[in-house]
Protein backbone atom coordinates (compact mmCIF):
# COMPACT_ATOMS: atom_id res chain seq x y z
CA MET A 1 -80.93 -22.22 -33.77
CA LEU A 2 -82.16 -24.60 -36.46
CA SER A 3 -85.88 -24.73 -37.14
CA ASP A 4 -88.04 -27.84 -36.87
CA LEU A 5 -88.44 -27.72 -40.65
CA THR A 6 -84.67 -27.97 -41.02
CA PHE A 7 -84.52 -30.88 -38.57
CA ALA A 8 -87.39 -32.65 -40.37
CA ARG A 9 -85.70 -32.25 -43.74
CA SER A 10 -82.33 -33.32 -42.32
CA GLN A 11 -83.80 -36.43 -40.73
CA MET A 12 -85.58 -37.38 -43.94
CA ALA A 13 -82.42 -36.73 -45.97
CA MET A 14 -80.29 -38.86 -43.66
CA SER A 15 -82.85 -41.70 -43.66
CA LEU A 16 -83.14 -41.65 -47.44
CA ALA A 17 -79.37 -41.43 -47.98
CA PHE A 18 -78.89 -44.48 -45.76
CA HIS A 19 -81.77 -46.53 -47.12
CA ILE A 20 -81.09 -45.88 -50.79
CA VAL A 21 -77.80 -47.78 -50.61
CA PHE A 22 -79.62 -50.93 -49.50
CA ALA A 23 -82.46 -50.37 -51.94
CA VAL A 24 -79.94 -50.23 -54.78
CA VAL A 25 -78.10 -53.32 -53.56
CA GLY A 26 -81.47 -55.06 -53.34
CA ILE A 27 -81.81 -54.48 -57.08
CA GLY A 28 -78.26 -55.26 -58.14
CA MET A 29 -77.10 -58.15 -55.93
CA PRO A 30 -79.90 -60.60 -56.82
CA ALA A 31 -78.98 -60.17 -60.48
CA LEU A 32 -75.37 -61.07 -59.65
CA MET A 33 -76.22 -64.20 -57.65
CA VAL A 34 -78.72 -65.39 -60.28
CA LEU A 35 -76.19 -64.90 -63.07
CA ALA A 36 -73.61 -66.86 -61.04
CA GLU A 37 -76.06 -69.74 -60.52
CA TRP A 38 -77.08 -69.69 -64.20
CA ARG A 39 -73.44 -70.07 -65.20
CA TRP A 40 -73.04 -72.88 -62.66
CA LEU A 41 -76.01 -74.74 -64.13
CA ARG A 42 -74.35 -74.55 -67.54
CA THR A 43 -70.76 -75.39 -66.53
CA ARG A 44 -71.02 -77.17 -63.17
CA ASP A 45 -68.00 -75.19 -62.03
CA PRO A 46 -68.01 -75.47 -58.20
CA VAL A 47 -66.44 -72.02 -57.92
CA LEU A 48 -69.58 -70.50 -59.42
CA LEU A 49 -71.79 -72.38 -56.96
CA GLU A 50 -69.72 -71.09 -54.07
CA LEU A 51 -69.94 -67.59 -55.51
CA ALA A 52 -73.74 -67.74 -55.82
CA LYS A 53 -74.06 -68.90 -52.21
CA ARG A 54 -71.79 -66.17 -50.88
CA TRP A 55 -73.58 -63.46 -52.80
CA ALA A 56 -76.88 -64.83 -51.51
CA LYS A 57 -75.60 -64.41 -47.93
CA GLY A 58 -74.61 -60.83 -48.63
CA THR A 59 -77.96 -60.15 -50.27
CA ALA A 60 -79.80 -61.49 -47.23
CA ILE A 61 -77.86 -59.31 -44.79
CA LEU A 62 -78.32 -56.15 -46.84
CA PHE A 63 -81.97 -56.99 -47.51
CA ALA A 64 -82.65 -57.28 -43.77
CA VAL A 65 -81.07 -53.93 -42.99
CA GLY A 66 -82.84 -52.35 -45.95
CA ALA A 67 -86.15 -53.64 -44.61
CA VAL A 68 -85.48 -51.95 -41.26
CA SER A 69 -84.46 -48.62 -42.78
CA GLY A 70 -87.34 -48.73 -45.25
CA THR A 71 -89.82 -49.29 -42.43
CA VAL A 72 -88.40 -46.28 -40.63
CA LEU A 73 -88.86 -44.19 -43.78
CA SER A 74 -92.50 -45.19 -44.10
CA PHE A 75 -93.18 -44.07 -40.53
CA GLU A 76 -91.29 -40.83 -41.07
CA LEU A 77 -93.51 -39.92 -44.00
CA GLY A 78 -96.52 -39.95 -41.71
CA LEU A 79 -94.87 -38.47 -38.63
CA LEU A 80 -92.80 -35.71 -40.22
CA TRP A 81 -95.03 -34.83 -43.18
CA PRO A 82 -98.66 -35.45 -42.12
CA VAL A 83 -100.09 -32.77 -44.40
CA PHE A 84 -98.34 -34.32 -47.39
CA MET A 85 -99.71 -37.76 -46.57
CA GLU A 86 -103.18 -36.32 -45.98
CA HIS A 87 -103.29 -34.86 -49.47
CA ALA A 88 -101.11 -37.33 -51.37
CA GLY A 89 -101.88 -40.64 -49.63
CA ALA A 90 -104.93 -41.48 -51.72
CA ILE A 91 -103.17 -40.44 -54.93
CA ILE A 92 -99.86 -42.33 -54.61
CA GLY A 93 -101.11 -45.15 -52.41
CA MET A 94 -101.13 -47.51 -55.39
CA PRO A 95 -97.35 -47.59 -56.08
CA PHE A 96 -96.61 -47.86 -52.35
CA SER A 97 -99.04 -50.80 -52.06
CA LEU A 98 -97.47 -52.51 -55.06
CA GLU A 99 -94.04 -51.88 -53.59
CA GLY A 100 -95.14 -53.68 -50.43
CA PHE A 101 -96.38 -56.62 -52.51
CA ALA A 102 -93.08 -56.78 -54.40
CA PHE A 103 -91.13 -56.50 -51.15
CA PHE A 104 -92.91 -59.46 -49.54
CA THR A 105 -92.56 -61.50 -52.72
CA GLU A 106 -88.83 -60.83 -52.68
CA ALA A 107 -88.61 -61.79 -49.00
CA ILE A 108 -90.46 -65.08 -49.50
CA PHE A 109 -88.45 -66.21 -52.50
CA LEU A 110 -85.18 -65.04 -50.95
CA GLY A 111 -85.93 -67.42 -48.07
CA ILE A 112 -86.51 -70.22 -50.57
CA TYR A 113 -83.29 -69.32 -52.36
CA LEU A 114 -81.24 -69.34 -49.15
CA TYR A 115 -82.55 -72.53 -47.57
CA ALA A 116 -83.69 -74.77 -50.42
CA TRP A 117 -80.46 -75.52 -52.24
CA LYS A 118 -80.93 -79.28 -51.75
CA ARG A 119 -84.69 -79.32 -51.16
CA ILE A 120 -85.96 -78.38 -54.62
CA PRO A 121 -84.69 -79.15 -58.13
CA PRO A 122 -81.81 -76.88 -59.23
CA ARG A 123 -83.80 -75.25 -62.01
CA ALA A 124 -86.66 -74.49 -59.62
CA HIS A 125 -84.11 -73.00 -57.25
CA PHE A 126 -82.76 -70.86 -60.06
CA ALA A 127 -86.31 -69.73 -60.88
CA ALA A 128 -86.73 -68.63 -57.25
CA GLY A 129 -83.64 -66.47 -57.66
CA VAL A 130 -85.08 -64.93 -60.81
CA VAL A 131 -88.22 -64.01 -58.86
CA VAL A 132 -86.04 -62.36 -56.20
CA ALA A 133 -84.23 -60.33 -58.85
CA VAL A 134 -87.40 -59.27 -60.69
CA SER A 135 -89.35 -58.39 -57.54
CA GLY A 136 -86.38 -56.38 -56.21
CA ALA A 137 -86.25 -54.34 -59.41
CA LEU A 138 -90.03 -53.83 -59.39
CA SER A 139 -89.96 -52.75 -55.75
CA GLY A 140 -87.52 -49.99 -56.59
CA ALA A 141 -89.48 -48.99 -59.69
CA PHE A 142 -92.74 -48.57 -57.74
CA VAL A 143 -91.10 -46.29 -55.18
CA VAL A 144 -89.50 -44.22 -57.93
CA CYS A 145 -92.93 -43.83 -59.55
CA ALA A 146 -94.19 -42.27 -56.31
CA ASN A 147 -91.21 -39.92 -56.22
CA ALA A 148 -91.70 -39.06 -59.89
CA TRP A 149 -95.27 -38.01 -59.05
CA MET A 150 -93.85 -35.45 -56.61
CA ASN A 151 -91.91 -33.98 -59.54
CA ALA A 152 -94.73 -34.28 -62.11
CA PRO A 153 -98.03 -34.45 -60.19
CA ALA A 154 -100.91 -35.99 -62.14
CA GLY A 155 -104.06 -38.01 -61.63
CA PHE A 156 -106.19 -35.52 -59.68
CA ASP A 157 -107.94 -32.17 -59.83
CA VAL A 158 -108.09 -29.39 -57.24
CA VAL A 159 -111.55 -27.82 -56.81
CA ASN A 160 -112.03 -25.13 -54.13
CA GLY A 161 -108.86 -26.27 -52.42
CA GLU A 162 -109.98 -29.91 -52.29
CA ILE A 163 -108.44 -32.83 -54.20
CA VAL A 164 -111.04 -34.58 -56.34
CA ASN A 165 -111.23 -36.92 -59.35
CA VAL A 166 -108.33 -39.03 -58.15
CA ASP A 167 -106.95 -41.43 -60.77
CA PRO A 168 -104.23 -43.55 -59.08
CA VAL A 169 -103.20 -45.19 -62.36
CA ALA A 170 -102.57 -41.83 -64.04
CA ALA A 171 -100.73 -40.68 -60.92
CA MET A 172 -98.48 -43.73 -60.89
CA PHE A 173 -97.69 -43.57 -64.59
CA ASN A 174 -97.02 -39.85 -64.59
CA GLN A 175 -94.86 -38.39 -67.33
CA ALA A 176 -91.71 -38.28 -65.16
CA ALA A 177 -92.01 -41.95 -64.14
CA GLY A 178 -90.40 -43.44 -67.25
CA PRO A 179 -87.19 -41.40 -67.25
CA GLN A 180 -86.73 -41.70 -63.48
CA VAL A 181 -87.36 -45.46 -63.32
CA VAL A 182 -84.94 -46.20 -66.16
CA HIS A 183 -82.29 -43.85 -64.76
CA MET A 184 -82.59 -45.29 -61.25
CA THR A 185 -82.56 -48.93 -62.35
CA LEU A 186 -79.46 -48.43 -64.47
CA ALA A 187 -77.85 -46.57 -61.56
CA ALA A 188 -78.55 -49.56 -59.30
CA PHE A 189 -76.89 -52.03 -61.66
CA ALA A 190 -73.94 -49.73 -62.37
CA ALA A 191 -73.31 -48.90 -58.70
CA THR A 192 -73.61 -52.49 -57.49
CA GLY A 193 -71.62 -53.92 -60.39
CA PHE A 194 -68.75 -51.48 -59.96
CA ALA A 195 -68.66 -51.89 -56.17
CA VAL A 196 -68.52 -55.69 -56.38
CA ALA A 197 -66.01 -55.54 -59.23
CA GLY A 198 -63.83 -53.22 -57.16
CA VAL A 199 -63.75 -55.67 -54.22
CA HIS A 200 -62.66 -58.61 -56.35
CA ALA A 201 -60.34 -56.50 -58.50
CA TYR A 202 -58.52 -55.52 -55.30
CA ALA A 203 -58.09 -59.19 -54.39
CA LEU A 204 -56.68 -59.97 -57.84
CA TRP A 205 -54.48 -56.86 -57.84
CA ARG A 206 -52.94 -57.93 -54.52
CA GLY A 207 -52.22 -61.35 -55.94
CA THR A 208 -54.30 -63.20 -53.34
CA LEU A 209 -55.06 -66.90 -53.41
CA HIS A 210 -58.27 -68.29 -54.92
CA ARG A 211 -57.78 -66.39 -58.15
CA ALA A 212 -60.36 -68.53 -59.93
CA PHE A 213 -63.03 -67.42 -57.44
CA HIS A 214 -62.20 -63.72 -57.78
CA ARG A 215 -61.85 -63.91 -61.56
CA ALA A 216 -65.31 -65.44 -61.88
CA ALA A 217 -66.77 -62.83 -59.52
CA LEU A 218 -65.10 -59.98 -61.38
CA GLN A 219 -66.34 -61.19 -64.77
CA ILE A 220 -69.96 -61.45 -63.58
CA ALA A 221 -69.83 -58.05 -61.87
CA LEU A 222 -68.51 -56.46 -65.06
CA VAL A 223 -71.29 -58.09 -67.11
CA ILE A 224 -73.80 -56.30 -64.87
CA GLY A 225 -71.97 -53.02 -64.24
CA LEU A 226 -70.30 -52.06 -67.52
CA PRO A 227 -73.36 -52.03 -69.85
CA ALA A 228 -75.39 -50.13 -67.23
CA ALA A 229 -72.66 -47.52 -66.87
CA VAL A 230 -72.50 -47.04 -70.65
CA LEU A 231 -76.28 -46.63 -70.95
CA GLN A 232 -76.55 -44.36 -67.92
CA PRO A 233 -75.51 -41.10 -69.69
CA LEU A 234 -78.19 -41.77 -72.33
CA SER A 235 -80.87 -42.18 -69.68
CA GLY A 236 -79.50 -39.07 -67.98
CA ASP A 237 -80.03 -37.09 -71.16
CA TRP A 238 -83.63 -38.36 -71.30
CA SER A 239 -84.19 -37.32 -67.69
CA ALA A 240 -82.64 -33.89 -68.27
CA ARG A 241 -84.95 -33.23 -71.20
CA ASP A 242 -87.93 -34.18 -69.07
CA VAL A 243 -86.76 -31.88 -66.27
CA ALA A 244 -86.25 -29.06 -68.78
CA GLU A 245 -89.88 -29.39 -69.86
CA ARG A 246 -91.53 -29.82 -66.45
CA GLN A 247 -89.15 -28.25 -63.93
CA PRO A 248 -87.14 -25.58 -65.76
CA VAL A 249 -86.06 -23.96 -62.49
CA LYS A 250 -84.56 -27.25 -61.29
CA LEU A 251 -82.72 -27.62 -64.60
CA ALA A 252 -81.38 -24.07 -64.30
CA ALA A 253 -80.07 -24.86 -60.81
CA MET A 254 -78.56 -28.16 -61.96
CA GLU A 255 -76.76 -26.66 -64.92
CA GLY A 256 -75.88 -23.38 -63.23
CA HIS A 257 -77.86 -21.47 -65.87
CA LEU A 258 -78.43 -18.21 -64.01
CA ARG A 259 -79.90 -15.80 -66.55
CA THR A 260 -82.59 -16.54 -69.13
CA GLY A 261 -81.21 -16.72 -72.67
CA PRO A 262 -78.96 -18.99 -74.75
CA ALA A 263 -77.52 -21.48 -72.25
CA SER A 264 -73.88 -22.39 -71.89
CA PHE A 265 -72.68 -25.72 -70.57
CA VAL A 266 -71.11 -24.91 -67.21
CA ILE A 267 -68.31 -27.06 -65.81
CA GLY A 268 -67.41 -26.57 -62.17
CA GLY A 269 -67.54 -23.18 -60.56
CA TRP A 270 -69.59 -21.81 -57.68
CA PRO A 271 -72.82 -19.95 -58.50
CA ASP A 272 -73.67 -16.92 -56.36
CA ALA A 273 -77.40 -16.92 -55.59
CA LYS A 274 -77.40 -13.20 -54.76
CA THR A 275 -75.50 -11.75 -57.70
CA LEU A 276 -76.38 -14.57 -60.14
CA GLU A 277 -72.78 -14.79 -61.25
CA HIS A 278 -70.39 -17.74 -61.51
CA ARG A 279 -67.00 -17.91 -59.86
CA GLY A 280 -64.33 -20.17 -61.34
CA ALA A 281 -66.52 -21.95 -63.88
CA ILE A 282 -65.60 -23.15 -67.36
CA GLU A 283 -68.39 -22.32 -69.81
CA ILE A 284 -69.01 -23.68 -73.30
CA PRO A 285 -71.27 -21.06 -74.94
CA GLY A 286 -74.54 -22.34 -76.37
CA ALA A 287 -73.78 -25.99 -75.62
CA LEU A 288 -76.73 -26.54 -73.25
CA SER A 289 -79.15 -24.91 -75.70
CA LEU A 290 -77.80 -27.19 -78.40
CA LEU A 291 -78.24 -30.30 -76.26
CA LEU A 292 -81.79 -29.42 -75.25
CA HIS A 293 -83.17 -27.86 -78.43
CA GLY A 294 -80.66 -28.50 -81.21
CA ASP A 295 -79.99 -24.76 -81.53
CA ARG A 296 -77.12 -22.90 -79.87
CA GLN A 297 -79.22 -19.73 -79.74
CA ALA A 298 -82.34 -21.33 -78.22
CA VAL A 299 -83.58 -19.51 -75.13
CA VAL A 300 -83.50 -21.52 -71.90
CA GLN A 301 -85.12 -20.24 -68.71
CA GLY A 302 -82.58 -19.26 -66.10
CA ILE A 303 -82.79 -19.16 -62.34
CA ASP A 304 -83.72 -15.49 -62.63
CA GLY A 305 -87.07 -16.53 -64.15
CA VAL A 306 -88.68 -17.02 -60.73
CA LYS A 307 -88.80 -15.07 -57.49
CA PRO A 308 -86.00 -15.78 -54.95
CA GLU A 309 -88.41 -17.56 -52.59
CA ASP A 310 -89.29 -20.02 -55.35
CA ARG A 311 -85.69 -20.97 -56.13
CA PRO A 312 -83.97 -24.14 -54.86
CA PRO A 313 -80.62 -23.89 -53.01
CA LEU A 314 -78.53 -23.07 -56.06
CA ALA A 315 -75.02 -24.03 -54.95
CA ILE A 316 -76.03 -27.39 -53.44
CA VAL A 317 -77.99 -28.51 -56.49
CA HIS A 318 -75.32 -27.41 -58.97
CA LEU A 319 -72.47 -29.03 -57.01
CA ALA A 320 -74.39 -32.30 -56.57
CA PHE A 321 -75.22 -32.39 -60.27
CA GLN A 322 -71.59 -31.83 -61.23
CA ILE A 323 -70.48 -34.65 -58.91
CA MET A 324 -73.09 -37.01 -60.35
CA VAL A 325 -72.12 -36.25 -63.94
CA ALA A 326 -68.38 -36.54 -63.22
CA CYS A 327 -68.77 -39.93 -61.54
CA GLY A 328 -71.05 -41.18 -64.30
CA MET A 329 -68.69 -40.12 -67.07
CA ILE A 330 -65.70 -41.74 -65.36
CA MET A 331 -67.61 -45.00 -65.01
CA ALA A 332 -68.87 -44.84 -68.60
CA THR A 333 -65.36 -44.14 -69.93
CA LEU A 334 -63.89 -47.02 -67.94
CA SER A 335 -66.69 -49.26 -69.22
CA VAL A 336 -66.02 -48.38 -72.85
CA PHE A 337 -62.30 -49.00 -72.31
CA GLY A 338 -63.06 -52.36 -70.68
CA ALA A 339 -65.33 -53.37 -73.55
CA TRP A 340 -62.63 -52.42 -76.06
CA ARG A 341 -60.00 -54.43 -74.19
CA TRP A 342 -62.38 -57.41 -74.03
CA TRP A 343 -62.91 -57.17 -77.79
CA GLN A 344 -59.16 -57.00 -78.39
CA ARG A 345 -58.68 -60.10 -76.26
CA ARG A 346 -61.26 -62.00 -78.32
CA LYS A 347 -59.15 -61.22 -81.38
CA GLY A 348 -56.10 -62.65 -79.64
CA ARG A 349 -54.45 -59.37 -78.72
CA GLY A 350 -53.63 -58.17 -75.21
CA VAL A 351 -54.29 -59.81 -71.86
CA ALA A 352 -57.58 -60.74 -70.22
CA LEU A 353 -59.14 -58.01 -68.10
CA PRO A 354 -58.60 -59.88 -64.79
CA ASP A 355 -54.87 -60.01 -65.62
CA ASP A 356 -54.51 -56.31 -66.50
CA ARG A 357 -53.16 -54.75 -63.31
CA ARG A 358 -53.78 -51.19 -64.46
CA PHE A 359 -57.39 -51.97 -65.27
CA LEU A 360 -57.79 -53.72 -61.91
CA LEU A 361 -56.43 -50.67 -60.10
CA ALA A 362 -58.80 -48.42 -62.04
CA LEU A 363 -61.73 -50.62 -60.96
CA VAL A 364 -60.62 -50.43 -57.33
CA LEU A 365 -60.50 -46.63 -57.48
CA ALA A 366 -63.85 -46.45 -59.28
CA ALA A 367 -65.63 -48.86 -56.91
CA PRO A 368 -67.38 -46.20 -54.77
CA LEU A 369 -68.23 -43.84 -57.64
CA GLY A 370 -71.60 -45.43 -58.37
CA PHE A 371 -72.83 -44.84 -54.85
CA VAL A 372 -71.37 -41.33 -54.76
CA ALA A 373 -73.25 -40.55 -57.99
CA LEU A 374 -76.37 -42.14 -56.53
CA GLU A 375 -76.35 -39.95 -53.41
CA ALA A 376 -75.56 -36.86 -55.48
CA GLY A 377 -78.37 -37.66 -57.93
CA TRP A 378 -80.96 -37.97 -55.17
CA THR A 379 -79.73 -34.68 -53.74
CA VAL A 380 -80.41 -33.10 -57.12
CA THR A 381 -83.87 -34.69 -57.29
CA GLU A 382 -85.01 -33.74 -53.79
CA VAL A 383 -83.22 -30.45 -53.11
CA GLY A 384 -83.76 -29.28 -56.68
CA ARG A 385 -87.55 -29.55 -56.19
CA GLN A 386 -87.52 -27.13 -53.25
CA PRO A 387 -89.37 -25.18 -52.01
CA TRP A 388 -92.03 -27.68 -53.16
CA ILE A 389 -92.68 -31.11 -51.70
CA VAL A 390 -95.15 -31.67 -54.56
CA HIS A 391 -94.03 -29.51 -57.46
CA GLY A 392 -96.31 -26.53 -57.96
CA VAL A 393 -98.95 -27.93 -55.59
CA LEU A 394 -97.72 -28.12 -51.98
CA ARG A 395 -94.79 -26.35 -50.38
CA THR A 396 -92.47 -28.20 -48.02
CA VAL A 397 -93.01 -25.70 -45.22
CA GLU A 398 -96.77 -26.32 -45.44
CA ALA A 399 -96.39 -30.11 -45.20
CA VAL A 400 -94.17 -30.41 -42.12
CA THR A 401 -95.55 -31.59 -38.80
CA PRO A 402 -96.38 -28.96 -36.16
CA MET A 403 -94.89 -31.21 -33.48
CA PRO A 404 -91.94 -29.48 -31.72
CA GLY A 405 -88.67 -31.05 -30.58
CA LEU A 406 -87.66 -32.62 -33.88
CA GLY A 407 -84.01 -32.05 -33.01
CA ILE A 408 -84.26 -34.86 -30.46
CA THR A 409 -85.69 -37.36 -32.95
CA PHE A 410 -83.04 -36.32 -35.47
CA ALA A 411 -80.30 -37.15 -32.93
CA LEU A 412 -81.91 -40.48 -31.99
CA PHE A 413 -82.32 -41.59 -35.58
CA SER A 414 -78.74 -40.55 -36.34
CA VAL A 415 -77.57 -42.93 -33.60
CA LEU A 416 -79.84 -45.65 -35.01
CA TYR A 417 -78.38 -45.38 -38.50
CA VAL A 418 -74.80 -45.31 -37.24
CA GLY A 419 -75.54 -48.48 -35.29
CA LEU A 420 -77.09 -50.16 -38.31
CA ALA A 421 -74.08 -49.21 -40.45
CA ILE A 422 -71.67 -50.75 -37.92
CA ALA A 423 -73.80 -53.90 -37.75
CA VAL A 424 -73.82 -54.24 -41.54
CA VAL A 425 -70.05 -53.89 -41.83
CA PHE A 426 -69.50 -56.42 -39.04
CA LEU A 427 -71.90 -58.98 -40.49
CA LEU A 428 -70.51 -58.70 -44.00
CA TRP A 429 -66.97 -59.03 -42.68
CA ARG A 430 -67.79 -62.02 -40.49
CA GLN A 431 -70.10 -63.93 -42.81
CA ILE A 432 -68.43 -63.28 -46.15
CA LEU A 433 -64.90 -61.92 -45.85
CA LYS A 434 -63.54 -63.48 -42.65
CA THR A 435 -64.47 -67.02 -43.66
CA GLY A 436 -62.23 -66.86 -46.72
CA VAL A 437 -62.95 -68.78 -49.91
CA THR A 438 -63.50 -72.51 -49.76
CA PRO A 439 -64.54 -73.82 -53.16
CA VAL A 440 -67.35 -76.37 -53.00
CA PRO A 441 -66.24 -79.95 -53.65
CA LEU A 442 -67.43 -81.44 -56.88
CA ASN A 443 -69.62 -84.00 -55.13
CA VAL A 444 -71.85 -81.20 -53.83
CA THR A 445 -73.03 -80.62 -57.37
CA SER A 446 -74.55 -84.08 -57.61
CA GLU A 447 -78.09 -82.69 -57.60
CA LEU A 448 -77.92 -82.89 -61.41
CA PRO A 449 -75.78 -85.19 -63.56
CA LEU A 450 -72.48 -83.63 -64.51
CA PRO A 451 -72.03 -82.87 -68.20
CA SER A 452 -70.01 -85.48 -70.02
CA ARG A 453 -67.22 -83.00 -70.72
CA VAL A 454 -66.79 -82.59 -66.94
CA THR A 455 -67.01 -86.28 -66.02
CA ARG A 456 -64.42 -87.15 -68.67
CA ALA A 457 -62.04 -84.67 -67.04
CA LEU A 458 -62.44 -86.08 -63.51
CA PRO A 459 -59.64 -88.33 -62.25
CA THR A 460 -60.57 -92.00 -61.98
CA SER A 461 -59.54 -94.28 -59.12
CA LYS A 462 -57.19 -97.20 -59.83
CA ALA A 463 -58.15 -99.00 -56.67
């Protein structure tokens, strides 16, 4: 029979896995809708206005569900991990408070963005969208700072078992915060950009109507997703170096480095936690040592460097890390290829990306990879820190609630999240997909004078 600790961890994992999708979309989608509106302000193309409005509807739906799941998470922290909150609440309260401020700012300006299209000047409306995008990104960054503190605790001293000399600023800006915030923000843009690009690439690949609408959407999604996917491996290298310095056991589990010594780069395989041997792995001798220290013979601590009870679940962490890296490299490769094809097109060679059926199909297949990498990456972050809830300070088993019967709450919350997922799919289908695409008539754009190059192109009446 599963223990209450297992149920508590499972419930938290399920809640986080569900919520993180909406948190990421809350970072990426506002950037898409703002970019669409910015292009509309410059060109007055009604297709871009329609696109901005549709993306705003999707953002609102996903924001609402993210608010519900995020509220559940905040309660779970106190109910499932009271000892953690007792010790850590005063230390990491600052980023959580700032996250709440950013969240409410985003909510307020999202309301303005949704309902003030004709009530405020267009440039003021665009500025409201920028505030939504910035506050969404900041909201995610503040939460990641709190998580980074769990990996690199700072800003306090422990005297006779008591936490004293709390410095919330030092805690928030701990040394793991920078790499994690950059890595997570890029992941949000890459995942959202590729997912949106995949949807519109599928419409173009099928040869659907309203090609102008889907071409514009695809181009904007690629502007957001492709650069983020290219930069993501670089931020991943930064994060890995930080983990190697502060959490060498987590790095050993991630990379499948089982025995202390020169470290090979391990591809695939299944590490055996008992025998500390790999099965079916491809190893590049000395490659990991070279990446970390610039020397193929540099010694890297292996999983054997700590007692078995201080090791994270080896197979889970290694497999999740391999999935994350594989998805990231596929997306980065596709991004580089797309950038090359775009450059070729500018020189007059080849076809435009929205007309390349093979590229469109590749985007369709790659659409979910960003979110798969996201879930795998958070598995690495959270499971790789075990058995610690705060690295080196507080063990997970010491932080869990003594309340029994957590299996019941796990079942209830599972039903809640399944229901929320069904509601999200239904609302997105009904509000965005079912209604089809109806480009906005040109007279709707009369809030600002049309550029002369547009008015000259409009047909004139002979009546």
